[in-house]
Amino acid sequence: MNKAELFGLMLINYYKEGTSLDIAAMSIILNQNKVQEQSSLAVMKMAMDVAANQSESIIAMDGGMTKAMETSIQPFLGANLDIKA
């Protein structure tokens, strides 16, 4: 729920019930909402950094691993070149 929706619900409740609008409670709720949003963004950024690091590691590892896998499966291929004229 964003700030505008929350404020709207509090105003509707204020007009329906005729109670006083509790500014302190609204301030606490809005600040809690802000902290939750900031923490969610921080966790998402951390997850994106981890994913980027993992993909870079996989790409870096792939170059050497491909050649090693090729030579381990068929080590005799590509080792000698026979030329006849």
PDB file of N, CA and C in Angstrom:
ATOM      1  N   MET A   1       0.860  -1.168   0.000  1.00  0.00           N
ATOM      2  CA  MET A   1       0.000   0.000   0.000  1.00  0.00           C
ATOM      3  C   MET A   1       0.904   1.228   0.000  1.00  0.00           C
ATOM      4  N   ASN A   2       0.636   2.145  -0.923  1.00  0.00           N
ATOM      5  CA  ASN A   2       1.466   3.334  -0.964  1.00  0.00           C
ATOM      6  C   ASN A   2       0.914   4.429  -0.049  1.00  0.00           C
ATOM      7  N   LYS A   3       1.636   5.526   0.034  1.00  0.00           N
ATOM      8  CA  LYS A   3       1.287   6.596   0.975  1.00  0.00           C
ATOM      9  C   LYS A   3      -0.065   7.231   0.651  1.00  0.00           C
ATOM     10  N   ALA A   4      -0.332   7.432  -0.615  1.00  0.00           N
ATOM     11  CA  ALA A   4      -1.586   8.071  -1.009  1.00  0.00           C
ATOM     12  C   ALA A   4      -2.793   7.209  -0.642  1.00  0.00           C
ATOM     13  N   GLU A   5      -2.681   5.896  -0.878  1.00  0.00           N
ATOM     14  CA  GLU A   5      -3.783   4.990  -0.534  1.00  0.00           C
ATOM     15  C   GLU A   5      -4.010   4.957   0.970  1.00  0.00           C
ATOM     16  N   LEU A   6      -2.907   4.914   1.725  1.00  0.00           N
ATOM     17  CA  LEU A   6      -3.010   4.887   3.178  1.00  0.00           C
ATOM     18  C   LEU A   6      -3.660   6.159   3.706  1.00  0.00           C
ATOM     19  N   PHE A   7      -3.232   7.291   3.195  1.00  0.00           N
ATOM     20  CA  PHE A   7      -3.804   8.561   3.625  1.00  0.00           C
ATOM     21  C   PHE A   7      -5.284   8.637   3.263  1.00  0.00           C
ATOM     22  N   GLY A   8      -5.622   8.134   2.075  1.00  0.00           N
ATOM     23  CA  GLY A   8      -7.019   8.131   1.655  1.00  0.00           C
ATOM     24  C   GLY A   8      -7.883   7.273   2.565  1.00  0.00           C
ATOM     25  N   LEU A   9      -7.384   6.101   2.939  1.00  0.00           N
ATOM     26  CA  LEU A   9      -8.143   5.234   3.842  1.00  0.00           C
ATOM     27  C   LEU A   9      -8.344   5.880   5.207  1.00  0.00           C
ATOM     28  N   MET A  10      -7.310   6.573   5.686  1.00  0.00           N
ATOM     29  CA  MET A  10      -7.439   7.243   6.982  1.00  0.00           C
ATOM     30  C   MET A  10      -8.456   8.383   6.919  1.00  0.00           C
ATOM     31  N   LEU A  11      -8.472   9.093   5.797  1.00  0.00           N
ATOM     32  CA  LEU A  11      -9.449  10.179   5.654  1.00  0.00           C
ATOM     33  C   LEU A  11     -10.873   9.636   5.558  1.00  0.00           C
ATOM     34  N   ILE A  12     -11.047   8.535   4.827  1.00  0.00           N
ATOM     35  CA  ILE A  12     -12.376   7.923   4.716  1.00  0.00           C
ATOM     36  C   ILE A  12     -12.852   7.473   6.090  1.00  0.00           C
ATOM     37  N   ASN A  13     -11.971   6.843   6.839  1.00  0.00           N
ATOM     38  CA  ASN A  13     -12.305   6.411   8.188  1.00  0.00           C
ATOM     39  C   ASN A  13     -12.653   7.614   9.069  1.00  0.00           C
ATOM     40  N   TYR A  14     -11.934   8.693   8.914  1.00  0.00           N
ATOM     41  CA  TYR A  14     -12.190   9.913   9.685  1.00  0.00           C
ATOM     42  C   TYR A  14     -13.590  10.460   9.406  1.00  0.00           C
ATOM     43  N   TYR A  15     -13.955  10.531   8.155  1.00  0.00           N
ATOM     44  CA  TYR A  15     -15.265  11.089   7.805  1.00  0.00           C
ATOM     45  C   TYR A  15     -16.417  10.140   8.138  1.00  0.00           C
ATOM     46  N   LYS A  16     -16.213   8.838   8.000  1.00  0.00           N
ATOM     47  CA  LYS A  16     -17.278   7.881   8.288  1.00  0.00           C
ATOM     48  C   LYS A  16     -17.596   7.820   9.776  1.00  0.00           C
ATOM     49  N   GLU A  17     -16.554   7.702  10.588  1.00  0.00           N
ATOM     50  CA  GLU A  17     -16.771   7.497  12.006  1.00  0.00           C
ATOM     51  C   GLU A  17     -16.840   8.807  12.784  1.00  0.00           C
ATOM     52  N   GLY A  18     -16.385   9.888  12.199  1.00  0.00           N
ATOM     53  CA  GLY A  18     -16.401  11.157  12.899  1.00  0.00           C
ATOM     54  C   GLY A  18     -15.363  11.240  13.999  1.00  0.00           C
ATOM     55  N   THR A  19     -14.367  10.368  13.951  1.00  0.00           N
ATOM     56  CA  THR A  19     -13.313  10.404  14.966  1.00  0.00           C
ATOM     57  C   THR A  19     -12.236  11.393  14.550  1.00  0.00           C
ATOM     58  N   SER A  20     -11.367  11.700  15.468  1.00  0.00           N
ATOM     59  CA  SER A  20     -10.299  12.647  15.159  1.00  0.00           C
ATOM     60  C   SER A  20      -9.227  11.946  14.326  1.00  0.00           C
ATOM     61  N   LEU A  21      -8.627  12.711  13.467  1.00  0.00           N
ATOM     62  CA  LEU A  21      -7.572  12.197  12.610  1.00  0.00           C
ATOM     63  C   LEU A  21      -6.280  12.164  13.415  1.00  0.00           C
ATOM     64  N   ASP A  22      -5.758  10.982  13.642  1.00  0.00           N
ATOM     65  CA  ASP A  22      -4.577  10.814  14.478  1.00  0.00           C
ATOM     66  C   ASP A  22      -3.320  11.015  13.632  1.00  0.00           C
ATOM     67  N   ILE A  23      -2.761  12.225  13.704  1.00  0.00           N
ATOM     68  CA  ILE A  23      -1.592  12.581  12.907  1.00  0.00           C
ATOM     69  C   ILE A  23      -0.374  11.762  13.335  1.00  0.00           C
ATOM     70  N   ALA A  24      -0.217  11.555  14.631  1.00  0.00           N
ATOM     71  CA  ALA A  24       0.939  10.797  15.125  1.00  0.00           C
ATOM     72  C   ALA A  24       0.910   9.359  14.603  1.00  0.00           C
ATOM     73  N   ALA A  25      -0.254   8.727  14.640  1.00  0.00           N
ATOM     74  CA  ALA A  25      -0.367   7.352  14.148  1.00  0.00           C
ATOM     75  C   ALA A  25      -0.094   7.288  12.651  1.00  0.00           C
ATOM     76  N   MET A  26      -0.617   8.277  11.919  1.00  0.00           N
ATOM     77  CA  MET A  26      -0.389   8.305  10.484  1.00  0.00           C
ATOM     78  C   MET A  26       1.099   8.497  10.194  1.00  0.00           C
ATOM     79  N   SER A  27       1.775   9.331  10.957  1.00  0.00           N
ATOM     80  CA  SER A  27       3.196   9.567  10.762  1.00  0.00           C
ATOM     81  C   SER A  27       4.001   8.293  11.014  1.00  0.00           C
ATOM     82  N   ILE A  28       3.652   7.562  12.059  1.00  0.00           N
ATOM     83  CA  ILE A  28       4.350   6.321  12.372  1.00  0.00           C
ATOM     84  C   ILE A  28       4.155   5.303  11.254  1.00  0.00           C
ATOM     85  N   ILE A  29       2.943   5.171  10.791  1.00  0.00           N
ATOM     86  CA  ILE A  29       2.648   4.209   9.727  1.00  0.00           C
ATOM     87  C   ILE A  29       3.392   4.565   8.443  1.00  0.00           C
ATOM     88  N   LEU A  30       3.409   5.857   8.100  1.00  0.00           N
ATOM     89  CA  LEU A  30       4.103   6.274   6.889  1.00  0.00           C
ATOM     90  C   LEU A  30       5.610   6.048   7.010  1.00  0.00           C
ATOM     91  N   ASN A  31       6.170   6.302   8.178  1.00  0.00           N
ATOM     92  CA  ASN A  31       7.601   6.074   8.372  1.00  0.00           C
ATOM     93  C   ASN A  31       7.931   4.583   8.330  1.00  0.00           C
ATOM     94  N   GLN A  32       7.074   3.751   8.901  1.00  0.00           N
ATOM     95  CA  GLN A  32       7.299   2.310   8.837  1.00  0.00           C
ATOM     96  C   GLN A  32       7.240   1.823   7.391  1.00  0.00           C
ATOM     97  N   ASN A  33       6.306   2.382   6.645  1.00  0.00           N
ATOM     98  CA  ASN A  33       6.173   2.039   5.231  1.00  0.00           C
ATOM     99  C   ASN A  33       7.443   2.426   4.467  1.00  0.00           C
ATOM    100  N   LYS A  34       7.994   3.587   4.795  1.00  0.00           N
ATOM    101  CA  LYS A  34       9.206   4.069   4.138  1.00  0.00           C
ATOM    102  C   LYS A  34      10.392   3.161   4.461  1.00  0.00           C
ATOM    103  N   VAL A  35      10.532   2.767   5.724  1.00  0.00           N
ATOM    104  CA  VAL A  35      11.625   1.879   6.122  1.00  0.00           C
ATOM    105  C   VAL A  35      11.496   0.529   5.425  1.00  0.00           C
ATOM    106  N   GLN A  36      10.286   0.017   5.343  1.00  0.00           N
ATOM    107  CA  GLN A  36      10.068  -1.265   4.671  1.00  0.00           C
ATOM    108  C   GLN A  36      10.448  -1.170   3.196  1.00  0.00           C
ATOM    109  N   GLU A  37      10.093  -0.085   2.550  1.00  0.00           N
ATOM    110  CA  GLU A  37      10.417   0.096   1.142  1.00  0.00           C
ATOM    111  C   GLU A  37      11.930   0.196   0.947  1.00  0.00           C
ATOM    112  N   GLN A  38      12.609   0.941   1.828  1.00  0.00           N
ATOM    113  CA  GLN A  38      14.056   1.076   1.716  1.00  0.00           C
ATOM    114  C   GLN A  38      14.763  -0.262   1.934  1.00  0.00           C
ATOM    115  N   SER A  39      14.297  -1.039   2.891  1.00  0.00           N
ATOM    116  CA  SER A  39      14.930  -2.336   3.139  1.00  0.00           C
ATOM    117  C   SER A  39      14.679  -3.303   1.978  1.00  0.00           C
ATOM    118  N   SER A  40      13.508  -3.244   1.398  1.00  0.00           N
ATOM    119  CA  SER A  40      13.217  -4.102   0.239  1.00  0.00           C
ATOM    120  C   SER A  40      14.130  -3.762  -0.933  1.00  0.00           C
ATOM    121  N   LEU A  41      14.344  -2.474  -1.160  1.00  0.00           N
ATOM    122  CA  LEU A  41      15.239  -2.061  -2.243  1.00  0.00           C
ATOM    123  C   LEU A  41      16.674  -2.476  -1.958  1.00  0.00           C
ATOM    124  N   ALA A  42      17.101  -2.383  -0.704  1.00  0.00           N
ATOM    125  CA  ALA A  42      18.465  -2.786  -0.357  1.00  0.00           C
ATOM    126  C   ALA A  42      18.668  -4.283  -0.588  1.00  0.00           C
ATOM    127  N   VAL A  43      17.694  -5.093  -0.213  1.00  0.00           N
ATOM    128  CA  VAL A  43      17.796  -6.538  -0.420  1.00  0.00           C
ATOM    129  C   VAL A  43      17.804  -6.861  -1.916  1.00  0.00           C
ATOM    130  N   MET A  44      16.985  -6.159  -2.683  1.00  0.00           N
ATOM    131  CA  MET A  44      16.938  -6.401  -4.127  1.00  0.00           C
ATOM    132  C   MET A  44      18.279  -6.031  -4.781  1.00  0.00           C
ATOM    133  N   LYS A  45      18.887  -4.914  -4.342  1.00  0.00           N
ATOM    134  CA  LYS A  45      20.182  -4.527  -4.894  1.00  0.00           C
ATOM    135  C   LYS A  45      21.250  -5.563  -4.561  1.00  0.00           C
ATOM    136  N   MET A  46      21.214  -6.086  -3.330  1.00  0.00           N
ATOM    137  CA  MET A  46      22.171  -7.117  -2.946  1.00  0.00           C
ATOM    138  C   MET A  46      21.997  -8.362  -3.803  1.00  0.00           C
ATOM    139  N   ALA A  47      20.761  -8.758  -4.053  1.00  0.00           N
ATOM    140  CA  ALA A  47      20.498  -9.934  -4.883  1.00  0.00           C
ATOM    141  C   ALA A  47      20.975  -9.711  -6.315  1.00  0.00           C
ATOM    142  N   MET A  48      20.786  -8.516  -6.826  1.00  0.00           N
ATOM    143  CA  MET A  48      21.237  -8.209  -8.187  1.00  0.00           C
ATOM    144  C   MET A  48      22.764  -8.232  -8.273  1.00  0.00           C
ATOM    145  N   ASP A  49      23.445  -7.730  -7.231  1.00  0.00           N
ATOM    146  CA  ASP A  49      24.907  -7.758  -7.215  1.00  0.00           C
ATOM    147  C   ASP A  49      25.426  -9.193  -7.178  1.00  0.00           C
ATOM    148  N   VAL A  50      24.796 -10.025  -6.376  1.00  0.00           N
ATOM    149  CA  VAL A  50      25.211 -11.432  -6.289  1.00  0.00           C
ATOM    150  C   VAL A  50      25.014 -12.113  -7.641  1.00  0.00           C
ATOM    151  N   ALA A  51      23.901 -11.860  -8.291  1.00  0.00           N
ATOM    152  CA  ALA A  51      23.632 -12.468  -9.597  1.00  0.00           C
ATOM    153  C   ALA A  51      24.639 -11.989 -10.637  1.00  0.00           C
ATOM    154  N   ALA A  52      24.995 -10.710 -10.597  1.00  0.00           N
ATOM    155  CA  ALA A  52      25.973 -10.181 -11.546  1.00  0.00           C
ATOM    156  C   ALA A  52      27.346 -10.811 -11.311  1.00  0.00           C
ATOM    157  N   ASN A  53      27.734 -10.946 -10.055  1.00  0.00           N
ATOM    158  CA  ASN A  53      29.031 -11.566  -9.745  1.00  0.00           C
ATOM    159  C   ASN A  53      29.065 -13.028 -10.173  1.00  0.00           C
ATOM    160  N   GLN A  54      27.977 -13.737  -9.952  1.00  0.00           N
ATOM    161  CA  GLN A  54      27.924 -15.143 -10.353  1.00  0.00           C
ATOM    162  C   GLN A  54      28.017 -15.286 -11.867  1.00  0.00           C
ATOM    163  N   SER A  55      27.324 -14.419 -12.588  1.00  0.00           N
ATOM    164  CA  SER A  55      27.367 -14.523 -14.055  1.00  0.00           C
ATOM    165  C   SER A  55      28.754 -14.176 -14.582  1.00  0.00           C
ATOM    166  N   GLU A  56      29.419 -13.187 -13.962  1.00  0.00           N
ATOM    167  CA  GLU A  56      30.781 -12.856 -14.384  1.00  0.00           C
ATOM    168  C   GLU A  56      31.728 -14.021 -14.110  1.00  0.00           C
ATOM    169  N   SER A  57      31.554 -14.674 -12.981  1.00  0.00           N
ATOM    170  CA  SER A  57      32.406 -15.818 -12.642  1.00  0.00           C
ATOM    171  C   SER A  57      32.194 -16.965 -13.617  1.00  0.00           C
ATOM    172  N   ILE A  58      30.947 -17.222 -13.967  1.00  0.00           N
ATOM    173  CA  ILE A  58      30.643 -18.307 -14.907  1.00  0.00           C
ATOM    174  C   ILE A  58      31.224 -18.006 -16.276  1.00  0.00           C
ATOM    175  N   ILE A  59      31.107 -16.757 -16.712  1.00  0.00           N
ATOM    176  CA  ILE A  59      31.651 -16.379 -18.025  1.00  0.00           C
ATOM    177  C   ILE A  59      33.171 -16.483 -18.020  1.00  0.00           C
ATOM    178  N   ALA A  60      33.814 -16.038 -16.932  1.00  0.00           N
ATOM    179  CA  ALA A  60      35.273 -16.115 -16.849  1.00  0.00           C
ATOM    180  C   ALA A  60      35.744 -17.559 -16.792  1.00  0.00           C
ATOM    181  N   MET A  61      35.012 -18.402 -16.107  1.00  0.00           N
ATOM    182  CA  MET A  61      35.389 -19.803 -15.961  1.00  0.00           C
ATOM    183  C   MET A  61      35.148 -20.571 -17.262  1.00  0.00           C
ATOM    184  N   ASP A  62      34.212 -20.128 -18.062  1.00  0.00           N
ATOM    185  CA  ASP A  62      33.827 -20.849 -19.271  1.00  0.00           C
ATOM    186  C   ASP A  62      34.951 -20.903 -20.294  1.00  0.00           C
ATOM    187  N   GLY A  63      35.736 -19.846 -20.436  1.00  0.00           N
ATOM    188  CA  GLY A  63      36.786 -19.808 -21.447  1.00  0.00           C
ATOM    189  C   GLY A  63      37.808 -20.907 -21.278  1.00  0.00           C
ATOM    190  N   GLY A  64      38.308 -21.097 -20.092  1.00  0.00           N
ATOM    191  CA  GLY A  64      39.302 -22.127 -19.849  1.00  0.00           C
ATOM    192  C   GLY A  64      38.700 -23.512 -19.738  1.00  0.00           C
ATOM    193  N   MET A  65      37.508 -23.587 -19.228  1.00  0.00           N
ATOM    194  CA  MET A  65      36.880 -24.894 -19.014  1.00  0.00           C
ATOM    195  C   MET A  65      36.495 -25.563 -20.333  1.00  0.00           C
ATOM    196  N   THR A  66      36.117 -24.782 -21.317  1.00  0.00           N
ATOM    197  CA  THR A  66      35.706 -25.364 -22.597  1.00  0.00           C
ATOM    198  C   THR A  66      36.873 -26.104 -23.236  1.00  0.00           C
ATOM    199  N   LYS A  67      38.034 -25.457 -23.268  1.00  0.00           N
ATOM    200  CA  LYS A  67      39.209 -26.090 -23.878  1.00  0.00           C
ATOM    201  C   LYS A  67      39.632 -27.316 -23.078  1.00  0.00           C
ATOM    202  N   ALA A  68      39.582 -27.235 -21.761  1.00  0.00           N
ATOM    203  CA  ALA A  68      39.946 -28.370 -20.921  1.00  0.00           C
ATOM    204  C   ALA A  68      38.991 -29.544 -21.143  1.00  0.00           C
ATOM    205  N   MET A  69      37.715 -29.260 -21.279  1.00  0.00           N
ATOM    206  CA  MET A  69      36.730 -30.319 -21.513  1.00  0.00           C
ATOM    207  C   MET A  69      36.957 -30.964 -22.875  1.00  0.00           C
ATOM    208  N   GLU A  70      37.272 -30.165 -23.906  1.00  0.00           N
ATOM    209  CA  GLU A  70      37.497 -30.708 -25.239  1.00  0.00           C
ATOM    210  C   GLU A  70      38.703 -31.646 -25.260  1.00  0.00           C
ATOM    211  N   THR A  71      39.771 -31.233 -24.594  1.00  0.00           N
ATOM    212  CA  THR A  71      40.971 -32.071 -24.614  1.00  0.00           C
ATOM    213  C   THR A  71      40.828 -33.290 -23.704  1.00  0.00           C
ATOM    214  N   SER A  72      40.024 -33.221 -22.684  1.00  0.00           N
ATOM    215  CA  SER A  72      39.871 -34.377 -21.802  1.00  0.00           C
ATOM    216  C   SER A  72      38.993 -35.446 -22.432  1.00  0.00           C
ATOM    217  N   ILE A  73      38.049 -35.046 -23.264  1.00  0.00           N
ATOM    218  CA  ILE A  73      37.166 -36.018 -23.892  1.00  0.00           C
ATOM    219  C   ILE A  73      37.868 -36.725 -25.047  1.00  0.00           C
ATOM    220  N   GLN A  74      38.538 -35.954 -25.913  1.00  0.00           N
ATOM    221  CA  GLN A  74      39.263 -36.518 -27.055  1.00  0.00           C
ATOM    222  C   GLN A  74      40.636 -35.844 -27.121  1.00  0.00           C
ATOM    223  N   PRO A  75      41.574 -36.286 -26.309  1.00  0.00           N
ATOM    224  CA  PRO A  75      42.859 -35.589 -26.211  1.00  0.00           C
ATOM    225  C   PRO A  75      43.716 -35.660 -27.468  1.00  0.00           C
ATOM    226  N   PHE A  76      43.456 -36.618 -28.346  1.00  0.00           N
ATOM    227  CA  PHE A  76      44.297 -36.764 -29.528  1.00  0.00           C
ATOM    228  C   PHE A  76      43.875 -35.850 -30.671  1.00  0.00           C
ATOM    229  N   LEU A  77      42.658 -35.308 -30.636  1.00  0.00           N
ATOM    230  CA  LEU A  77      42.196 -34.464 -31.735  1.00  0.00           C
ATOM    231  C   LEU A  77      42.854 -33.088 -31.659  1.00  0.00           C
ATOM    232  N   GLY A  78      43.352 -32.637 -32.799  1.00  0.00           N
ATOM    233  CA  GLY A  78      43.925 -31.305 -32.895  1.00  0.00           C
ATOM    234  C   GLY A  78      45.364 -31.210 -32.410  1.00  0.00           C
ATOM    235  N   ALA A  79      45.938 -32.298 -31.981  1.00  0.00           N
ATOM    236  CA  ALA A  79      47.306 -32.265 -31.478  1.00  0.00           C
ATOM    237  C   ALA A  79      48.318 -32.327 -32.634  1.00  0.00           C
ATOM    238  N   ASN A  80      48.006 -33.036 -33.710  1.00  0.00           N
ATOM    239  CA  ASN A  80      48.926 -33.207 -34.838  1.00  0.00           C
ATOM    240  C   ASN A  80      48.278 -32.708 -36.114  1.00  0.00           C
ATOM    241  N   LEU A  81      49.114 -32.172 -36.994  1.00  0.00           N
ATOM    242  CA  LEU A  81      48.635 -31.693 -38.283  1.00  0.00           C
ATOM    243  C   LEU A  81      49.457 -32.377 -39.365  1.00  0.00           C
ATOM    244  N   ASP A  82      48.813 -33.168 -40.182  1.00  0.00           N
ATOM    245  CA  ASP A  82      49.495 -33.891 -41.264  1.00  0.00           C
ATOM    246  C   ASP A  82      49.268 -33.130 -42.557  1.00  0.00           C
ATOM    247  N   ILE A  83      50.385 -32.790 -43.216  1.00  0.00           N
ATOM    248  CA  ILE A  83      50.308 -32.061 -44.502  1.00  0.00           C
ATOM    249  C   ILE A  83      51.020 -32.893 -45.551  1.00  0.00           C
ATOM    250  N   LYS A  84      50.360 -33.150 -46.663  1.00  0.00           N
ATOM    251  CA  LYS A  84      50.955 -33.856 -47.794  1.00  0.00           C
ATOM    252  C   LYS A  84      50.860 -32.957 -49.014  1.00  0.00           C
ATOM    253  N   ALA A  85      51.964 -32.892 -49.736  1.00  0.00           N
ATOM    254  CA  ALA A  85      51.971 -32.049 -50.936  1.00  0.00           C
ATOM    255  C   ALA A  85      51.972 -32.886 -52.175  1.00  0.00           C
TER     256      ALA A  85
END
